[in-house]
C-alpha atoms as a PDB file:
ATOM      1  CA  MET A   1     148.017  65.494  80.843  1.00  0.00           C
ATOM      2  CA  LYS A   2     148.272  63.241  77.803  1.00  0.00           C
ATOM      3  CA  ILE A   3     151.190  63.783  75.452  1.00  0.00           C
ATOM      4  CA  LEU A   4     150.193  63.165  71.861  1.00  0.00           C
ATOM      5  CA  ASP A   5     152.323  61.412  69.287  1.00  0.00           C
ATOM      6  CA  ASN A   6     153.519  64.223  67.008  1.00  0.00           C
ATOM      7  CA  ASP A   7     154.520  61.710  64.338  1.00  0.00           C
ATOM      8  CA  THR A   8     150.883  60.809  63.713  1.00  0.00           C
ATOM      9  CA  LYS A   9     148.953  63.935  64.741  1.00  0.00           C
ATOM     10  CA  LYS A  10     149.140  67.640  63.935  1.00  0.00           C
ATOM     11  CA  ILE A  11     147.730  70.838  65.375  1.00  0.00           C
ATOM     12  CA  ILE A  12     145.115  72.593  63.244  1.00  0.00           C
ATOM     13  CA  PRO A  13     143.376  75.971  63.601  1.00  0.00           C
ATOM     14  CA  PHE A  14     140.161  75.914  65.595  1.00  0.00           C
ATOM     15  CA  TYR A  15     136.979  77.681  64.570  1.00  0.00           C
ATOM     16  CA  ASN A  16     134.234  78.577  67.019  1.00  0.00           C
ATOM     17  CA  PRO A  17     131.222  80.368  65.472  1.00  0.00           C
ATOM     18  CA  SER A  18     130.818  82.631  68.489  1.00  0.00           C
ATOM     19  CA  LEU A  19     134.512  83.536  68.673  1.00  0.00           C
ATOM     20  CA  GLY A  20     135.649  83.262  65.076  1.00  0.00           C
ATOM     21  CA  SER A  21     138.921  81.659  64.002  1.00  0.00           C
ATOM     22  CA  ILE A  22     141.426  80.964  66.772  1.00  0.00           C
ATOM     23  CA  SER A  23     145.067  79.996  66.464  1.00  0.00           C
ATOM     24  CA  PRO A  24     146.054  76.760  68.240  1.00  0.00           C
ATOM     25  CA  GLY A  25     147.235  77.455  71.759  1.00  0.00           C
ATOM     26  CA  MET A  26     145.611  80.885  71.890  1.00  0.00           C
ATOM     27  CA  TYR A  27     143.868  81.848  75.104  1.00  0.00           C
ATOM     28  CA  VAL A  28     140.173  82.577  74.653  1.00  0.00           C
ATOM     29  CA  SER A  29     137.552  83.795  77.048  1.00  0.00           C
ATOM     30  CA  GLU A  30     134.244  81.994  76.945  1.00  0.00           C
ATOM     31  CA  SER A  31     131.849  82.461  79.873  1.00  0.00           C
ATOM     32  CA  GLY A  32     134.582  84.406  81.642  1.00  0.00           C
ATOM     33  CA  LYS A  33     136.924  81.410  81.717  1.00  0.00           C
ATOM     34  CA  GLU A  34     140.380  81.455  80.151  1.00  0.00           C
ATOM     35  CA  GLU A  35     141.057  78.362  78.062  1.00  0.00           C
ATOM     36  CA  ARG A  36     143.928  77.162  75.999  1.00  0.00           C
ATOM     37  CA  VAL A  37     142.756  75.631  72.724  1.00  0.00           C
ATOM     38  CA  PHE A  38     144.569  72.768  71.022  1.00  0.00           C
ATOM     39  CA  ILE A  39     143.013  70.679  68.291  1.00  0.00           C
ATOM     40  CA  TYR A  40     144.839  67.526  67.218  1.00  0.00           C
ATOM     41  CA  VAL A  41     143.898  65.515  64.152  1.00  0.00           C
ATOM     42  CA  PRO A  42     145.603  62.555  62.527  1.00  0.00           C
ATOM     43  CA  TYR A  43     147.845  63.202  59.540  1.00  0.00           C
ATOM     44  CA  THR A  44     146.558  61.961  56.213  1.00  0.00           C
ATOM     45  CA  GLU A  45     148.329  59.021  54.587  1.00  0.00           C
ATOM     46  CA  GLU A  46     149.918  61.440  52.107  1.00  0.00           C
ATOM     47  CA  GLU A  47     151.222  63.655  54.911  1.00  0.00           C
ATOM     48  CA  LEU A  48     152.642  60.654  56.782  1.00  0.00           C
ATOM     49  CA  LEU A  49     154.396  59.510  53.608  1.00  0.00           C
ATOM     50  CA  GLU A  50     155.854  62.978  53.017  1.00  0.00           C
ATOM     51  CA  ASN A  51     156.988  63.153  56.660  1.00  0.00           C
ATOM     52  CA  ARG A  52     158.769  59.784  56.255  1.00  0.00           C
ATOM     53  CA  LYS A  53     160.446  60.989  53.050  1.00  0.00           C
ATOM     54  CA  ASN A  54     161.626  64.139  54.825  1.00  0.00           C
ATOM     55  CA  GLU A  55     163.043  62.054  57.695  1.00  0.00           C
ATOM     56  CA  ILE A  56     165.016  60.022  55.146  1.00  0.00           C
ATOM     57  CA  ARG A  57     166.251  63.187  53.416  1.00  0.00           C
ATOM     58  CA  LYS A  58     167.475  64.543  56.742  1.00  0.00           C
ATOM     59  CA  LYS A  59     169.189  61.270  57.574  1.00  0.00           C
ATOM     60  CA  ARG A  60     170.822  61.310  54.106  1.00  0.00           C
ATOM     61  CA  GLU A  61     172.209  64.791  54.811  1.00  0.00           C
ATOM     62  CA  GLU A  62     173.661  63.586  58.113  1.00  0.00           C
ATOM     63  CA  GLU A  63     174.966  60.136  57.144  1.00  0.00           C
ATOM     64  CA  CYS A  64     175.637  60.165  53.412  1.00  0.00           C
ATOM     65  CA  PHE A  65     176.717  63.611  52.257  1.00  0.00           C
ATOM     66  CA  PRO A  66     179.576  64.033  54.771  1.00  0.00           C
ATOM     67  CA  ILE A  67     181.123  60.837  53.384  1.00  0.00           C
ATOM     68  CA  ILE A  68     180.444  61.540  49.718  1.00  0.00           C
ATOM     69  CA  ASN A  69     181.874  65.067  50.020  1.00  0.00           C
ATOM     70  CA  ARG A  70     185.191  64.078  51.592  1.00  0.00           C
ATOM     71  CA  GLY A  71     187.272  65.186  48.643  1.00  0.00           C
ATOM     72  CA  THR A  72     189.816  63.968  46.123  1.00  0.00           C
ATOM     73  CA  LEU A  73     192.569  62.971  48.550  1.00  0.00           C
ATOM     74  CA  TRP A  74     190.218  60.544  50.307  1.00  0.00           C
ATOM     75  CA  TYR A  75     188.790  59.154  47.051  1.00  0.00           C
ATOM     76  CA  ASN A  76     192.266  58.561  45.646  1.00  0.00           C
ATOM     77  CA  LYS A  77     192.983  56.153  48.522  1.00  0.00           C
ATOM     78  CA  LEU A  78     189.960  53.946  47.724  1.00  0.00           C
ATOM     79  CA  THR A  79     190.316  50.740  45.765  1.00  0.00           C
ATOM     80  CA  ASP A  80     188.350  50.327  42.529  1.00  0.00           C
ATOM     81  CA  GLU A  81     186.034  47.909  44.340  1.00  0.00           C
ATOM     82  CA  GLN A  82     185.429  50.436  47.134  1.00  0.00           C
ATOM     83  CA  LYS A  83     184.680  53.154  44.586  1.00  0.00           C
ATOM     84  CA  ILE A  84     182.033  50.925  42.956  1.00  0.00           C
ATOM     85  CA  GLU A  85     180.516  50.039  46.343  1.00  0.00           C
ATOM     86  CA  LEU A  86     180.498  53.698  47.354  1.00  0.00           C
ATOM     87  CA  SER A  87     178.833  54.707  44.087  1.00  0.00           C
ATOM     88  CA  ASN A  88     176.108  52.070  44.544  1.00  0.00           C
ATOM     89  CA  TRP A  89     175.602  53.130  48.168  1.00  0.00           C
ATOM     90  CA  TYR A  90     175.298  56.771  47.100  1.00  0.00           C
ATOM     91  CA  ASP A  91     172.760  55.867  44.391  1.00  0.00           C
ATOM     92  CA  ALA A  92     170.748  53.962  47.004  1.00  0.00           C
ATOM     93  CA  TRP A  93     170.753  57.069  49.225  1.00  0.00           C
ATOM     94  CA  LEU A  94     169.659  59.286  46.331  1.00  0.00           C
ATOM     95  CA  ASN A  95     166.714  56.944  45.704  1.00  0.00           C
ATOM     96  CA  ALA A  96     165.913  56.378  49.393  1.00  0.00           C
ATOM     97  CA  PRO A  97     163.135  58.985  49.721  1.00  0.00           C
ATOM     98  CA  GLU A  98     161.225  57.228  46.931  1.00  0.00           C
ATOM     99  CA  THR A  99     162.031  53.632  47.889  1.00  0.00           C
ATOM    100  CA  LEU A 100     161.686  54.402  51.629  1.00  0.00           C
ATOM    101  CA  LYS A 101     164.698  52.137  52.206  1.00  0.00           C
ATOM    102  CA  VAL A 102     167.651  53.568  54.112  1.00  0.00           C
ATOM    103  CA  PRO A 103     170.902  51.957  52.943  1.00  0.00           C
ATOM    104  CA  GLU A 104     173.114  50.198  55.450  1.00  0.00           C
ATOM    105  CA  ILE A 105     176.477  51.856  55.931  1.00  0.00           C
ATOM    106  CA  LEU A 106     179.297  50.047  54.167  1.00  0.00           C
ATOM    107  CA  THR A 107     181.342  47.986  56.620  1.00  0.00           C
ATOM    108  CA  TRP A 108     184.613  49.629  55.605  1.00  0.00           C
ATOM    109  CA  LEU A 109     183.137  53.084  56.318  1.00  0.00           C
ATOM    110  CA  LYS A 110     182.424  52.323  59.988  1.00  0.00           C
END
C-alpha cells in the first residue's frame, strides 16, 4: 500500500455515472465486489500557499503568543533594548504568513 503525501495531495469526492456521487472512502458495490474509493489529486498552487500560511499561523500561536502574552511583571524586567528586539520579533511574526518567513527566536528567549 502506498502512503500519499498529504501535504501535496487531497481527497476529493468521486463521481461514477452508474453509481452517482460517492464520498471518499465509502464502500460501493460494483459487479458484486465491495470496494473502498479514494481519489487523490494534487493541491493547486493557491491551496499549497494557503496551507503554508496556516502552518505559519499555527507555529506563531505556539511559539510567539505564549511569550508575547507573559504579562507586565515579565515585561518590566526587560531592558529597553530587549523591549525593542521583542517588538521587532513580534512584528516579524505578525507579518510571517504574508512573507512566509518564520522569525528566529531571540537568543535571550531560549
